[in-house]
């Protein structure tokens, strides 16, 4: 039994072989996945998140993501440039969303009151 357990330990490299079946990570993807940025907005606030995860977040439209990745792969954008662009897009998108929420909340409260008064007048 001990020999069996030892042989199980010897099969650990097989786990490495298992990874060969999974999609291979492109060399250009690694820096995007390992480079993290501090984000101070939205769901990422107070967290370090990889450039890769930011690129694939709801804040980056698919067209923009594809374009950024193509430019990065072609060497036309550096990792720092991609990082800056992605952070800027996320920050602006979150600021716009926060502004929309603020604008949506105040007029909605007034119109709800007006609708309630209008409904009340109709009942009379």
Protein backbone atom coordinates (compact mmCIF):
# COMPACT_ATOMS: atom_id res chain seq x y z
CA UNK A 1 0.00 0.00 0.00
CA UNK A 2 2.84 2.36 0.80
CA UNK A 3 4.34 1.62 -2.60
CA UNK A 4 1.02 2.52 -4.23
CA UNK A 5 0.94 5.86 -2.40
CA UNK A 6 4.51 6.56 -3.42
CA UNK A 7 3.69 5.75 -7.02
CA UNK A 8 0.76 8.18 -6.83
CA UNK A 9 3.23 10.88 -5.86
CA UNK A 10 5.37 9.87 -8.79
CA UNK A 11 2.42 10.53 -11.10
CA UNK A 12 2.31 14.20 -10.14
CA UNK A 13 4.03 15.16 -13.45
CA UNK A 14 0.98 13.63 -15.14
CA UNK A 15 -0.95 16.64 -13.91
CA UNK A 16 1.44 18.75 -15.98
CA UNK A 17 0.65 16.57 -18.98
CA UNK A 18 -3.02 17.17 -18.34
CA UNK A 19 -2.41 20.88 -18.90
CA UNK A 20 -1.23 20.08 -22.41
CA UNK A 21 -4.82 19.18 -23.26
CA UNK A 22 -6.11 22.57 -22.16
CA UNK A 23 -5.81 25.53 -24.50
CA UNK A 24 -2.27 26.84 -24.46
CA UNK A 25 -1.73 30.34 -23.17
CA UNK A 26 -0.22 32.56 -25.80
CA UNK A 27 3.11 34.12 -24.74
CA UNK A 28 1.66 37.63 -25.19
CA UNK A 29 -1.23 36.80 -22.79
CA UNK A 30 1.01 36.10 -19.79
CA UNK A 31 2.02 39.74 -19.10
CA UNK A 32 -1.62 40.83 -19.38
CA UNK A 33 -2.65 38.17 -16.86
CA UNK A 34 0.19 38.80 -14.42
CA UNK A 35 0.21 42.61 -14.47
CA UNK A 36 -2.20 43.95 -11.87
CA UNK A 37 -3.56 47.45 -11.37
CA UNK A 38 -5.25 49.13 -8.44
CA UNK A 39 -8.71 50.26 -9.40
CA UNK A 40 -10.56 52.85 -7.35
CA UNK A 41 -13.94 52.61 -9.07
CA UNK A 42 -16.90 50.31 -9.46
CA UNK A 43 -16.89 46.68 -8.51
CA UNK A 44 -13.07 46.67 -8.54
CA UNK A 45 -12.69 49.43 -5.94
CA UNK A 46 -9.96 48.64 -3.45
CA UNK A 47 -8.86 45.53 -5.36
CA UNK A 48 -5.90 44.66 -7.51
CA UNK A 49 -7.09 43.23 -10.79
CA UNK A 50 -5.14 41.95 -13.77
CA UNK A 51 -5.11 43.89 -17.03
CA UNK A 52 -6.49 40.71 -18.64
CA UNK A 53 -9.50 40.64 -16.29
CA UNK A 54 -10.14 44.34 -16.87
CA UNK A 55 -9.99 43.77 -20.63
CA UNK A 56 -12.62 41.05 -20.27
CA UNK A 57 -14.84 42.99 -17.85
CA UNK A 58 -18.26 44.42 -18.68
CA UNK A 59 -16.67 47.85 -19.02
CA UNK A 60 -14.70 47.07 -22.18
CA UNK A 61 -16.84 46.53 -25.31
CA UNK A 62 -15.82 43.49 -27.34
CA UNK A 63 -14.71 45.60 -30.34
CA UNK A 64 -12.41 47.69 -28.14
CA UNK A 65 -10.99 44.56 -26.49
CA UNK A 66 -10.25 42.93 -29.86
CA UNK A 67 -8.64 46.11 -31.18
CA UNK A 68 -6.47 46.55 -28.08
CA UNK A 69 -5.37 42.91 -28.15
CA UNK A 70 -4.54 43.08 -31.87
CA UNK A 71 -2.48 46.27 -31.40
CA UNK A 72 -0.73 44.75 -28.38
CA UNK A 73 0.03 41.49 -30.23
CA UNK A 74 1.37 43.45 -33.20
CA UNK A 75 3.69 45.36 -30.88
CA UNK A 76 2.01 48.68 -31.65
CA UNK A 77 0.97 49.10 -28.00
CA UNK A 78 3.15 48.39 -24.99
CA UNK A 79 1.83 46.68 -21.87
CA UNK A 80 1.87 50.05 -20.06
CA UNK A 81 -0.16 51.64 -22.86
CA UNK A 82 -2.75 48.85 -22.75
CA UNK A 83 -2.89 49.18 -18.96
CA UNK A 84 -3.45 52.94 -19.21
CA UNK A 85 -6.12 52.65 -21.90
CA UNK A 86 -8.02 49.93 -20.02
CA UNK A 87 -7.89 51.83 -16.71
CA UNK A 88 -9.12 54.98 -18.47
CA UNK A 89 -12.02 53.17 -20.16
CA UNK A 90 -13.10 51.51 -16.91
CA UNK A 91 -12.81 54.76 -14.93
CA UNK A 92 -14.79 56.77 -17.52
CA UNK A 93 -17.43 54.06 -17.89
CA UNK A 94 -17.91 53.87 -14.13
CA UNK A 95 -18.08 57.68 -13.83
CA UNK A 96 -20.71 57.80 -16.58
CA UNK A 97 -22.68 55.02 -14.90
CA UNK A 98 -22.55 56.80 -11.53
CA UNK A 99 -23.70 60.04 -13.19
CA UNK A 100 -26.57 58.23 -14.93
CA UNK A 101 -27.66 56.73 -11.62
CA UNK A 102 -27.53 60.13 -9.92
CA UNK A 103 -29.51 61.78 -12.74
CA UNK A 104 -31.98 58.92 -12.93
CA UNK A 105 -32.69 58.97 -9.20
CA UNK A 106 -33.53 62.66 -8.76
CA UNK A 107 -35.96 63.26 -11.68
CA UNK A 108 -37.59 59.88 -11.07
CA UNK A 109 -38.47 60.86 -7.50
CA UNK A 110 -40.14 64.08 -8.71
CA UNK A 111 -42.07 62.38 -11.52
CA UNK A 112 -43.27 59.63 -9.16
CA UNK A 113 -44.68 62.27 -6.83
CA UNK A 114 -46.35 64.05 -9.76
CA UNK A 115 -47.80 60.75 -11.01
CA UNK A 116 -49.13 59.95 -7.56
CA UNK A 117 -50.82 63.37 -7.33
CA UNK A 118 -52.24 62.94 -10.85
CA UNK A 119 -53.64 59.51 -9.97
CA UNK A 120 -55.12 60.91 -6.77
CA UNK A 121 -56.87 63.72 -8.69
CA UNK A 122 -58.34 61.22 -11.13
CA UNK A 123 -59.79 59.18 -8.27
CA UNK A 124 -61.61 62.25 -6.91
